[in-house]
Amino acid sequence: MASVLKWTRGLLLAALYVSMFGCATAPAPTPPVAAPAPAAQAPLPPPAAVPPPVVTGVVAEPAPVVITVAPVAGAASAEAHIALILPLKSPVFGDAAEAVQQGFLAAAKLQANGLPVRVYPCNDEKIEVKALYQQAINAGAVAVAGPLTRNGVAALANIPNIIVPTLALNVIESKRVDELYFFGLPPEQEARQIAQLATKAGMLSATIVRTNTYLSKRLAQEFAESWKRARGTIKSEIVYSGDPDSLQLIPTAPGNMVFLAAEVDQARLLRPYISSLLPVYATSQIFGGNANNLVNYDLAEVHFVDMPWVVQPDHAAVMVYPRATPPLPQEMERLYAFGIDAYRLLLLLSRHTTHSALPLDGVTGKVTLSDHLFQREGVASVLRQGQGIALDSKLLPPLLKPQTTDSKSPQ
């Protein structure tokens, strides 16, 4: 079971977060979408490509009406609403989509006099998203969130001149001047932030320690590029392949640091071989939650960045929103929080108030907007005494005295 969960988590991270990957197709073939009809604005598929929606659930006031829409046969009624397009039917991405949906709807229920939310589920976003998007617009959507996978977002981005405020829930390179915006959780963004934090802390040179996974390589590359732009020096890049001897030779002179580009399972094996005299930095990939006490002790004094939702549960902006019931695994909790902020950002887009309302004090971090891309800045944190705690937290335990090394330790 553990190996299955580990594989699933890795696949989701690669597919949802890492820029190279995208949505996997479902095992069953999907019927082709009908050819688009001519249109003045964009070559969108006709509504008949996906059958119209039907209301399947309503939440009573004072919360906004929350509607789940399934593409089944029937007549659609045009009603102003917020549309949420997610791969809820996907055997690969369904769980991740469900977590995002829960967070999105949790935020919607707290919005006084908010518009109803209609959820448009699909299987393969790459094939279905254009038709679902057109269906939502025809049904009265005044704002749209989704799709979630990179392939789905790329398909949506092929629609020119989008005029309805739309928040894609992943990041691709696409220059936009219309109403399409992007918001995601790329771990490379955290690697860039770590480079900035280490620079501010006075670090001058870095040793990168990584594994052979694709995600580890991407984190290492992004950190190295950001570090060099900040005029930092890369001492070396160590690729761990089972022999820890090279980790014990990393220079410990003042100003040296280590960037640990690894996920938690590998990071906990590597950390004990790195001198306690060296500041060690990593992304949120090394933090699996405060319930993993023993793992966190193995990663003592590693600095990382993460969401307020994860490391600041007592933060005022976090306590406003309910937690998932039952509690979700840590990675799904992050996607739940992502859904909360996605709803909040979509509201700003629909009201055209991004200039006055940003930066957003979000549950995923401080969110800013640049060239149609919403960027997230996580909270600087540290693993200390088995707990991951924000560095500005009053609950932060005192710094443990570093272990001493003998005089032969390399400098």
Protein backbone atom coordinates (compact mmCIF):
# COMPACT_ATOMS: atom_id res chain seq x y z
CA MET A 1 0.00 0.00 0.00
CA ALA A 2 2.80 2.43 0.88
CA SER A 3 4.46 1.90 -2.49
CA VAL A 4 1.15 2.51 -4.30
CA LEU A 5 0.57 5.75 -2.39
CA LYS A 6 4.13 6.86 -3.08
CA TRP A 7 3.71 6.14 -6.81
CA THR A 8 0.39 7.95 -6.95
CA ARG A 9 1.76 11.00 -5.14
CA GLY A 10 4.77 11.15 -7.45
CA LEU A 11 2.58 10.88 -10.54
CA LEU A 12 0.26 13.63 -9.33
CA LEU A 13 3.17 15.93 -8.55
CA ALA A 14 4.79 15.32 -11.89
CA ALA A 15 1.56 15.68 -13.82
CA LEU A 16 0.01 18.62 -11.97
CA TYR A 17 3.02 20.63 -10.88
CA VAL A 18 6.08 19.95 -13.02
CA SER A 19 6.07 22.02 -16.18
CA MET A 20 6.99 19.25 -18.62
CA PHE A 21 4.16 16.83 -17.83
CA GLY A 22 0.42 16.97 -18.49
CA CYS A 23 -2.84 15.06 -18.28
CA ALA A 24 -2.84 11.31 -18.93
CA THR A 25 -5.60 9.90 -21.05
CA ALA A 26 -8.16 7.53 -19.58
CA PRO A 27 -8.08 3.83 -20.43
CA ALA A 28 -11.41 3.97 -22.28
CA PRO A 29 -11.47 5.90 -25.58
CA THR A 30 -13.38 9.17 -25.65
CA PRO A 31 -15.59 10.00 -28.66
CA PRO A 32 -14.13 12.81 -30.80
CA VAL A 33 -15.49 16.32 -30.34
CA ALA A 34 -17.51 17.63 -33.24
CA ALA A 35 -15.81 20.07 -35.62
CA PRO A 36 -16.10 23.70 -34.52
CA ALA A 37 -18.63 25.96 -36.16
CA PRO A 38 -17.42 29.30 -37.58
CA ALA A 39 -17.51 32.12 -35.04
CA ALA A 40 -16.41 35.72 -34.99
CA GLN A 41 -14.39 35.43 -31.77
CA ALA A 42 -13.02 31.90 -31.58
CA PRO A 43 -13.44 28.49 -33.21
CA LEU A 44 -15.24 26.83 -30.32
CA PRO A 45 -17.03 23.45 -30.60
CA PRO A 46 -20.84 23.55 -30.77
CA PRO A 47 -22.66 22.96 -27.48
CA ALA A 48 -23.94 19.63 -28.76
CA ALA A 49 -20.43 18.18 -28.44
CA VAL A 50 -21.10 17.76 -24.73
CA PRO A 51 -24.72 17.24 -23.54
CA PRO A 52 -26.20 20.02 -21.41
CA PRO A 53 -26.07 19.98 -17.61
CA VAL A 54 -28.57 19.07 -14.98
CA VAL A 55 -28.72 20.29 -11.37
CA THR A 56 -27.93 17.54 -8.87
CA GLY A 57 -27.61 19.35 -5.57
CA VAL A 58 -28.37 22.62 -3.79
CA VAL A 59 -26.99 24.11 -0.58
CA ALA A 60 -29.41 26.30 1.33
CA GLU A 61 -28.85 29.94 2.24
CA PRO A 62 -27.08 31.81 3.76
CA ALA A 63 -24.36 29.95 1.87
CA PRO A 64 -24.38 30.43 -1.91
CA VAL A 65 -26.19 27.85 -3.97
CA VAL A 66 -23.67 25.17 -4.91
CA ILE A 67 -24.63 23.09 -7.90
CA THR A 68 -22.95 19.96 -9.21
CA VAL A 69 -23.42 19.61 -12.94
CA ALA A 70 -23.13 16.30 -14.79
CA PRO A 71 -23.09 16.18 -18.60
CA VAL A 72 -26.22 14.10 -19.13
CA ALA A 73 -29.04 14.51 -21.56
CA GLY A 74 -31.59 17.19 -20.76
CA ALA A 75 -32.36 20.86 -21.24
CA ALA A 76 -29.99 23.43 -19.80
CA SER A 77 -31.25 26.58 -18.15
CA ALA A 78 -29.14 29.71 -18.56
CA GLU A 79 -28.33 31.10 -15.13
CA ALA A 80 -25.50 33.34 -14.00
CA HIS A 81 -23.03 31.11 -12.17
CA ILE A 82 -19.38 30.29 -11.51
CA ALA A 83 -18.17 27.27 -13.45
CA LEU A 84 -15.61 24.82 -12.11
CA ILE A 85 -14.10 22.41 -14.66
CA LEU A 86 -12.21 19.48 -13.10
CA PRO A 87 -11.14 15.92 -14.11
CA LEU A 88 -13.30 14.36 -11.41
CA LYS A 89 -13.94 11.28 -13.55
CA SER A 90 -10.25 10.64 -14.26
CA PRO A 91 -8.84 7.46 -12.66
CA VAL A 92 -5.48 9.25 -12.36
CA PHE A 93 -6.43 12.79 -11.35
CA GLY A 94 -9.84 12.21 -9.74
CA ASP A 95 -8.61 12.32 -6.13
CA ALA A 96 -6.61 15.50 -6.72
CA ALA A 97 -9.58 17.10 -8.48
CA GLU A 98 -11.87 16.14 -5.60
CA ALA A 99 -9.56 17.86 -3.08
CA VAL A 100 -9.50 21.04 -5.20
CA GLN A 101 -13.28 20.93 -5.54
CA GLN A 102 -13.74 20.58 -1.77
CA GLY A 103 -11.60 23.62 -1.09
CA PHE A 104 -13.25 25.67 -3.83
CA LEU A 105 -16.75 24.93 -2.56
CA ALA A 106 -15.71 25.50 1.07
CA ALA A 107 -14.66 29.03 0.13
CA ALA A 108 -17.80 29.54 -1.95
CA LYS A 109 -20.06 28.62 0.98
CA LEU A 110 -18.56 31.44 3.05
CA GLN A 111 -19.22 34.07 0.38
CA ALA A 112 -22.31 36.06 1.32
CA ASN A 113 -24.77 36.41 -1.56
CA GLY A 114 -22.35 34.60 -3.83
CA LEU A 115 -23.20 33.24 -7.24
CA PRO A 116 -24.00 29.53 -7.50
CA VAL A 117 -21.13 27.24 -8.43
CA ARG A 118 -21.64 24.61 -11.11
CA VAL A 119 -19.08 21.82 -11.32
CA TYR A 120 -18.39 20.41 -14.79
CA PRO A 121 -16.69 17.01 -14.33
CA CYS A 122 -14.71 15.34 -17.08
CA ASN A 123 -12.32 12.46 -17.70
CA ASP A 124 -9.71 13.61 -20.21
CA GLU A 125 -9.45 17.38 -20.09
CA LYS A 126 -7.33 17.60 -23.21
CA ILE A 127 -10.21 16.23 -25.28
CA GLU A 128 -13.23 17.55 -23.36
CA VAL A 129 -12.28 20.98 -22.03
CA LYS A 130 -13.20 23.13 -25.07
CA ALA A 131 -16.69 21.68 -25.28
CA LEU A 132 -17.21 21.91 -21.52
CA TYR A 133 -16.00 25.49 -21.51
CA GLN A 134 -18.44 26.41 -24.30
CA GLN A 135 -21.21 24.56 -22.45
CA ALA A 136 -20.53 26.58 -19.30
CA ILE A 137 -20.60 29.87 -21.19
CA ASN A 138 -23.83 28.96 -22.95
CA ALA A 139 -25.35 28.00 -19.58
CA GLY A 140 -24.62 31.46 -18.16
CA ALA A 141 -21.16 31.18 -16.57
CA VAL A 142 -19.81 34.63 -15.72
CA ALA A 143 -16.50 33.27 -14.42
CA VAL A 144 -14.70 29.94 -14.94
CA ALA A 145 -12.09 28.06 -12.89
CA GLY A 146 -10.21 25.15 -14.43
CA PRO A 147 -9.10 22.93 -15.97
CA LEU A 148 -6.56 21.34 -13.60
CA THR A 149 -4.07 19.41 -15.71
CA ARG A 150 -1.40 20.97 -17.89
CA ASN A 151 -2.77 19.34 -21.04
CA GLY A 152 -6.23 20.64 -20.23
CA VAL A 153 -4.92 24.16 -19.67
CA ALA A 154 -2.98 23.99 -22.94
CA ALA A 155 -6.18 23.00 -24.77
CA LEU A 156 -8.08 25.87 -23.17
CA ALA A 157 -5.29 28.31 -24.04
CA ASN A 158 -5.81 27.45 -27.72
CA ILE A 159 -9.08 29.39 -27.56
CA PRO A 160 -8.26 32.95 -28.66
CA ASN A 161 -9.77 36.08 -27.16
CA ILE A 162 -11.43 34.66 -24.04
CA ILE A 163 -13.84 37.32 -22.79
CA VAL A 164 -15.16 35.67 -19.60
CA PRO A 165 -12.84 35.89 -16.53
CA THR A 166 -11.16 32.47 -16.48
CA LEU A 167 -8.64 31.08 -14.00
CA ALA A 168 -6.70 28.06 -15.28
CA LEU A 169 -5.59 25.87 -12.38
CA ASN A 170 -2.15 25.09 -13.75
CA VAL A 171 0.70 27.03 -15.31
CA ILE A 172 1.87 27.05 -18.92
CA GLU A 173 3.82 29.59 -20.94
CA SER A 174 1.19 31.62 -22.78
CA LYS A 175 1.21 35.35 -23.39
CA ARG A 176 -2.31 36.60 -22.86
CA VAL A 177 -4.03 39.95 -23.28
CA ASP A 178 -7.56 38.60 -22.75
CA GLU A 179 -9.38 37.26 -19.67
CA LEU A 180 -7.43 34.00 -19.24
CA TYR A 181 -5.21 33.86 -16.14
CA PHE A 182 -3.06 31.12 -14.61
CA PHE A 183 -2.60 29.89 -11.04
CA GLY A 184 -0.77 26.74 -9.96
CA LEU A 185 1.53 25.11 -7.43
CA PRO A 186 4.77 24.59 -9.38
CA PRO A 187 7.52 23.44 -6.99
CA GLU A 188 10.06 25.32 -9.11
CA GLN A 189 8.52 28.49 -7.71
CA GLU A 190 9.54 27.36 -4.23
CA ALA A 191 13.10 26.64 -5.43
CA ARG A 192 13.34 30.23 -6.64
CA GLN A 193 12.05 31.50 -3.30
CA ILE A 194 14.59 29.39 -1.42
CA ALA A 195 17.39 31.00 -3.44
CA GLN A 196 16.08 34.42 -2.44
CA LEU A 197 15.76 33.48 1.25
CA ALA A 198 19.28 32.02 1.37
CA THR A 199 20.68 35.15 -0.26
CA LYS A 200 18.97 37.35 2.34
CA ALA A 201 20.41 35.12 5.07
CA GLY A 202 23.92 35.91 3.84
CA MET A 203 24.69 32.66 2.09
CA LEU A 204 27.38 33.00 -0.60
CA SER A 205 27.93 29.53 -2.03
CA ALA A 206 25.75 26.45 -2.39
CA THR A 207 26.14 22.73 -2.84
CA ILE A 208 23.17 21.10 -4.54
CA VAL A 209 22.26 17.59 -3.40
CA ARG A 210 19.72 15.82 -5.59
CA THR A 211 18.51 12.40 -6.70
CA ASN A 212 17.85 11.05 -10.18
CA THR A 213 14.09 11.70 -10.24
CA TYR A 214 12.70 14.15 -12.78
CA LEU A 215 11.26 16.38 -10.06
CA SER A 216 14.59 16.51 -8.21
CA LYS A 217 16.41 17.49 -11.39
CA ARG A 218 13.91 20.27 -12.09
CA LEU A 219 14.20 21.65 -8.55
CA ALA A 220 18.00 21.58 -8.74
CA GLN A 221 18.02 23.31 -12.10
CA GLU A 222 15.60 26.04 -11.02
CA PHE A 223 17.53 26.71 -7.80
CA ALA A 224 20.86 26.86 -9.64
CA GLU A 225 19.55 29.35 -12.19
CA SER A 226 18.01 31.57 -9.49
CA TRP A 227 21.12 31.30 -7.30
CA LYS A 228 23.41 32.38 -10.14
CA ARG A 229 21.15 35.32 -10.96
CA ALA A 230 21.57 36.38 -7.33
CA ARG A 231 25.37 36.20 -7.87
CA GLY A 232 25.74 33.11 -5.70
CA THR A 233 28.37 30.45 -6.39
CA ILE A 234 27.59 26.78 -7.01
CA LYS A 235 30.30 24.72 -5.33
CA SER A 236 29.14 21.40 -6.73
CA GLU A 237 26.10 19.29 -7.56
CA ILE A 238 26.01 15.89 -5.87
CA VAL A 239 23.76 13.22 -7.32
CA TYR A 240 23.01 10.75 -4.54
CA SER A 241 23.05 7.15 -5.75
CA GLY A 242 23.39 5.28 -2.45
CA ASP A 243 26.89 6.31 -1.32
CA PRO A 244 26.76 9.00 1.40
CA ASP A 245 30.55 9.59 1.58
CA SER A 246 30.43 12.58 -0.78
CA LEU A 247 27.90 14.31 1.50
CA GLN A 248 30.38 14.31 4.37
CA LEU A 249 32.90 16.23 2.26
CA ILE A 250 30.72 19.29 1.62
CA PRO A 251 32.65 22.44 2.75
CA THR A 252 31.40 23.88 6.04
CA ALA A 253 33.06 27.29 5.87
CA PRO A 254 30.81 30.25 6.80
CA GLY A 255 28.59 31.30 3.92
CA ASN A 256 28.27 27.78 2.52
CA MET A 257 24.87 26.13 2.35
CA VAL A 258 23.17 23.02 0.95
CA PHE A 259 20.09 22.93 -1.25
CA LEU A 260 18.45 19.54 -0.78
CA ALA A 261 16.44 18.86 -3.94
CA ALA A 262 14.72 15.69 -2.81
CA GLU A 263 11.35 14.41 -1.67
CA VAL A 264 10.82 13.42 1.92
CA ASP A 265 11.68 9.71 1.66
CA GLN A 266 15.09 10.41 0.14
CA ALA A 267 15.70 13.61 2.09
CA ARG A 268 15.46 11.87 5.47
CA LEU A 269 18.16 9.40 4.33
CA LEU A 270 20.49 12.16 3.14
CA ARG A 271 20.14 14.70 5.95
CA PRO A 272 22.06 12.79 8.69
CA TYR A 273 25.18 12.69 6.51
CA ILE A 274 25.26 16.47 6.00
CA SER A 275 27.19 18.40 8.66
CA SER A 276 25.04 20.16 11.25
CA LEU A 277 27.29 23.20 10.72
CA LEU A 278 25.81 23.68 7.25
CA PRO A 279 22.52 25.52 6.72
CA VAL A 280 20.27 23.18 4.72
CA TYR A 281 17.40 24.45 2.56
CA ALA A 282 14.68 22.56 0.69
CA THR A 283 11.18 22.97 -0.76
CA SER A 284 7.92 21.76 0.79
CA GLN A 285 8.60 18.37 -0.84
CA ILE A 286 10.50 17.39 2.32
CA PHE A 287 7.60 18.13 4.68
CA GLY A 288 4.89 15.52 5.06
CA GLY A 289 3.14 17.17 8.02
CA ASN A 290 3.64 17.38 11.77
CA ALA A 291 2.11 13.97 12.29
CA ASN A 292 5.32 12.51 10.81
CA ASN A 293 7.27 13.25 13.98
CA LEU A 294 10.03 10.68 13.53
CA VAL A 295 10.63 11.68 9.91
CA ASN A 296 10.80 15.33 10.91
CA TYR A 297 13.45 14.56 13.54
CA ASP A 298 15.56 13.00 10.78
CA LEU A 299 15.30 16.31 8.92
CA ALA A 300 16.26 18.51 11.87
CA GLU A 301 17.02 22.17 11.09
CA VAL A 302 16.14 21.95 7.40
CA HIS A 303 14.72 25.27 6.22
CA PHE A 304 11.84 25.13 3.72
CA VAL A 305 8.87 27.11 2.48
CA ASP A 306 5.27 25.96 2.66
CA MET A 307 1.68 27.18 2.78
CA PRO A 308 0.22 29.02 5.77
CA TRP A 309 -2.49 26.34 5.59
CA VAL A 310 0.15 23.77 6.52
CA VAL A 311 2.57 25.59 8.86
CA GLN A 312 0.35 28.36 10.30
CA PRO A 313 -2.99 26.75 11.17
CA ASP A 314 -3.60 29.49 13.76
CA HIS A 315 -3.14 32.30 11.22
CA ALA A 316 -6.20 34.56 11.01
CA ALA A 317 -6.50 34.19 7.23
CA VAL A 318 -6.36 30.40 7.59
CA MET A 319 -8.79 29.96 10.48
CA VAL A 320 -11.59 31.54 8.45
CA TYR A 321 -11.94 28.42 6.34
CA PRO A 322 -13.11 24.98 7.49
CA ARG A 323 -10.81 21.98 7.28
CA ALA A 324 -11.70 19.01 5.12
CA THR A 325 -13.80 16.33 6.82
CA PRO A 326 -12.46 13.71 7.14
CA PRO A 327 -8.89 15.09 7.15
CA LEU A 328 -6.96 14.64 3.91
CA PRO A 329 -3.40 13.39 3.35
CA GLN A 330 -0.89 16.25 3.44
CA GLU A 331 -0.51 16.56 -0.33
CA MET A 332 -4.28 16.62 -0.75
CA GLU A 333 -4.55 19.23 2.02
CA ARG A 334 -2.35 21.47 -0.10
CA LEU A 335 -4.69 20.96 -3.06
CA TYR A 336 -7.68 21.71 -0.81
CA ALA A 337 -6.03 24.99 0.19
CA PHE A 338 -5.27 25.63 -3.48
CA GLY A 339 -8.99 25.32 -4.20
CA ILE A 340 -9.79 27.91 -1.54
CA ASP A 341 -7.43 30.49 -2.99
CA ALA A 342 -8.54 29.65 -6.54
CA TYR A 343 -12.10 30.66 -5.63
CA ARG A 344 -10.90 33.88 -3.99
CA LEU A 345 -8.76 34.85 -6.96
CA LEU A 346 -11.56 34.09 -9.42
CA LEU A 347 -13.83 36.45 -7.48
CA LEU A 348 -11.26 39.21 -7.82
CA LEU A 349 -11.04 38.57 -11.57
CA SER A 350 -14.81 38.57 -11.98
CA ARG A 351 -15.07 41.85 -10.06
CA HIS A 352 -12.04 43.38 -11.81
CA THR A 353 -10.50 44.26 -8.43
CA THR A 354 -7.10 42.56 -8.73
CA HIS A 355 -5.20 45.84 -8.73
CA SER A 356 -6.70 47.01 -5.44
CA ALA A 357 -7.02 43.64 -3.67
CA LEU A 358 -3.56 42.19 -4.32
CA PRO A 359 -1.32 40.94 -2.88
CA LEU A 360 -3.74 38.40 -1.44
CA ASP A 361 -3.09 37.05 2.04
CA GLY A 362 -3.94 33.57 0.87
CA VAL A 363 -4.02 30.22 2.63
CA THR A 364 -1.42 29.06 0.10
CA GLY A 365 0.79 32.10 0.70
CA LYS A 366 1.08 35.69 -0.43
CA VAL A 367 -0.31 35.80 -3.97
CA THR A 368 0.65 38.45 -6.52
CA LEU A 369 -0.15 38.93 -10.20
CA SER A 370 2.29 39.48 -13.06
CA ASP A 371 1.44 39.17 -16.77
CA HIS A 372 -1.69 37.05 -16.21
CA LEU A 373 0.20 34.69 -13.88
CA PHE A 374 -0.67 34.52 -10.19
CA GLN A 375 2.49 33.76 -8.23
CA ARG A 376 2.58 32.39 -4.70
CA GLU A 377 5.16 33.11 -1.99
CA GLY A 378 5.24 30.50 0.75
CA VAL A 379 6.07 30.93 4.43
CA ALA A 380 9.70 30.53 5.51
CA SER A 381 9.74 27.59 7.93
CA VAL A 382 12.09 25.19 9.69
CA LEU A 383 11.93 21.62 10.97
CA ARG A 384 12.82 21.74 14.65
CA GLN A 385 12.22 19.22 17.44
CA GLY A 386 10.08 17.11 15.13
CA GLN A 387 7.80 19.93 14.02
CA GLY A 388 7.57 22.09 10.92
CA ILE A 389 7.03 25.63 12.16
CA ALA A 390 6.92 29.05 10.50
CA LEU A 391 10.02 31.06 11.38
CA ASP A 392 7.94 33.98 12.64
CA SER A 393 5.77 31.76 14.84
CA LYS A 394 5.63 32.36 18.59
CA LEU A 395 5.52 28.58 18.96
CA LEU A 396 9.02 28.17 17.50
CA PRO A 397 11.16 26.23 20.00
CA PRO A 398 14.63 27.54 20.84
CA LEU A 399 17.44 26.63 18.48
CA LEU A 400 19.16 23.42 19.45
CA LYS A 401 22.91 23.68 19.96
CA PRO A 402 24.64 22.34 16.82
CA GLN A 403 26.70 19.24 17.18
CA THR A 404 30.44 19.88 17.12
CA THR A 405 32.69 18.38 14.51
CA ASP A 406 36.32 17.43 14.87
CA SER A 407 39.13 19.64 13.60
CA LYS A 408 39.60 17.47 10.51
CA SER A 409 36.24 18.41 9.08
CA PRO A 410 36.75 19.88 5.58
CA GLN A 411 36.37 23.66 5.25
